[in-house]
Amino acid sequence: MQVLLATVGLLFIWVPSLYAVPQVKLLPSNVAYFSNGGSLTLMCTVDMDVLINSVLFRRDAFSYVGIFNPTIPQCNATKFTSNDISVYYTNCDQDRNFTLIKHGNNTEDHRKNWICAMLSNVGGPCLGANNPCLSKIVTSVLRVPVTTVQLTNGSGQTLSSSVNIVRGQSIDIKCSTAPSGSRPRALFQWYYRQGNQSPVLIVDQSISTTPDPITVPGQPESDLLISYSTWTLMGNASYHNMYVYCQARDETNTGNYTQSDEVQLNIVYPPLVHLSTYQSTYNVTESMQSFVFFCKIIEANPQPQANGYSWFHSMSIIRGQTSSSYILPSVQRSDAGEYRCTARNDYGAGTSDSLDLIVQYPPVIQVVQIGSTMQNQTAMLTCEAWGNPAETIFYPWVHMWEGLPIRMGLQSQNNSTHSVLILDRVSLESMGTYVCTGSNGIMGISEKLNQTGLESLHVKGTAYILVDNARFIGDISLTVDISIPFYSDPAIESFIIQTNGSNVMNTSRTMTYLSKDIVNYKFYNKAIKLNSQKVNFVIQNMTREDFGNYTVLLTNSIGSTSFQFHLDPFAPSTNESIMNPVPTIAGGVSAGFVVILIVTIGVFLWRRNRHPHVTEQAITMENNRNASVRPTDGDLYEKLNSNANSDIQMYSSLNTPTPSEDHQKHYENT
């Protein structure tokens, strides 16, 4: 390398130590920034007294700027000036400082390497041109100021006017010098303001600046740099509607900052919901009131849409309900339970606390039969009430028959939800409908405080004969029609009539059959009508042998019941002693006929009083003795065969036909 040296005069300086090597420094270290058209300032200094003959500033490999006779006593005095370079010597701090200022720098001075060399020609260190004392290299770099500053989110998307931050969550907001970059890297400041207030500098530990900026794409390595400052911002409610911005400048610049656009912080959060109602109480009466729920938004940002609501009843969603209110137009007991509502916006859903709707309604009363319904055994009826409130007051039971009260005030065993009625040794009179009545004080849609439950009691057993005893009167050569009413549950399977130890058979002269009947009867001395049956026994052309005792045997699946009746003659048999004329009474009426008439009426009245349960008189007599009126034996049987009545059931081992319609009407009339 060729080096040109120019030496003017010699100056000898005493060096304390000829062997110590001075430290030559070129400042600023490493990089010296300059502006386009501005000045570059370099200072070369040595840390000890040495005999300095020359100080040289070298740019790149060949260009030197020399300073000769540097020992000038004045501080900050100019030592060398050449074109655009000025060199000053300062000894203010007893140091050897030589400052170079290069004016009018431009892009051609960018990335040039500078070095400072000190030489001595009297021996010791730095002797001669081949052994100078050199500083480290300093590179001159053209400064590029910050011209663009922008705010972006964590994904690098530019923020324009606002940014949404979910409350309770954090977000990274970046301030960068992109896209232009700067040289050297940038320094940042963050500010915020509320409304029209003055901006406030933010001092926050969550703000960090990127230590190693990124090289601008398309530029040489380590040339233009994009710098970042990141603010990790927590979504606090106090930040809502606050404006923030950042500003930046390169780290060597003392001038003005370049500012970003302002961004408004919008703190968003799911709705906070409260379930309310305009009613003062949550206790409502079934079918008597309506009820309205409101899903009230305490706070939300943004507000839910009009159809952004959901409703829940007992943890199940109510389909089709998406508005902020829910109406029960007529509250039913099935509407009772827990209600909640949910409101939703773009940042989540909020669920209200629960509201427990209590629906009051009168008790539903059900009567269940427990135990046996066999005659002479114990039956138990249990009345259970379900209502709200649950506690029910029960009243004495009522025994009814077809809507008519039979017995009132039946005492029972009660608690708050049950009433138990015990019936000992049930019988035919125990049958009917038992009514349980209770109240919990709530008047339902029926506008009645007392509610009832019903249960019918059917007593099973052998057949009941509905007359106490029976005595029937007939006459020789006439027809007698005998009816014996009875009740049987289960139904009669068979029946027979016996006399003198023999079964009465259906013949052309005699006939037995069953028919349906409605009987006037008494339960506990109360007149009722009882659907029953009757045994019918018809004897045509009676003879002396037909009189006597008869037994009716009725059999069902439980057992048999027997009943005895007696058939007596109406008058003594015709013989010589009887056939004598009977004295007559005035008017030509025989005294015997009057006696017979009185006896007949007395017997009839006695039987009516004796057997009040029988609907039809069981004594049938043929008053008309005209033979032309009565059918003959053969005619009767033939007529019964040809005119069967479907309402009459025939029971006979001989499969005999039902009685004729005419005969049935005759029986009913008599």
Foldseek 3Di string as FASTA:
>chain_A
DDDDDDADDDDDDDDPDLADAWAKAKPPPAEFEDAQQFKTKIKIWTDDDDAFAKKWKAKADHDIDIFGPLPDPDAQDWGDDDDQKTWGFHCPPVITMIMIMGGNDHPVLAFIKMKMWTAHCPHGARHDPVGTNIHDIHTYHYWFKQDDKFKDWPVRHTADAADEAEAQAKTKIKIKSPPPATPPHKDKWKWKDADPDDIDTDDDPQKDKDPDFDARPPDPPNHGGMIMIIHTGHLDPVLAQMKMWMWMIHPVDPDDTHIYDIYTYHHFYAWAWAKDWPDPDLEEEFQPAKTKIFTDTPDGVVFFDQQQKWKDFPNHTDPPDRGRMDMGGGDHQVRFGKMKMWGGDPHGIHIYDIDTRHYWYKWDKAKDKDDDQAAQAKIKIKIFTDTVVQFKDKFAKFFDAPPHTQDPRQDFDDDRTMTMGMDGRDDPLNWGKIKIKIAPQHQHPVRDRIDIYIDTRDYADAKAWQADAAEAEEAAQAKWKFKTWIAHPPDWPAKFKDDPRDTDADDLFKAKFKFWDWWFHDRNNHTDTDTTMIIIIMGHRDDPVPFFKMKMWTADPRGIDIGMYGYHYLDDDDDDVVPPDAPCDPPRHGPVVVVSVVVVVVVQVVRCVNRVGGPADRYDYDPDPPPVVDDDSNVQQVQQVVAADPRIGGHHPVPGGHGHPVVVVVRVVD
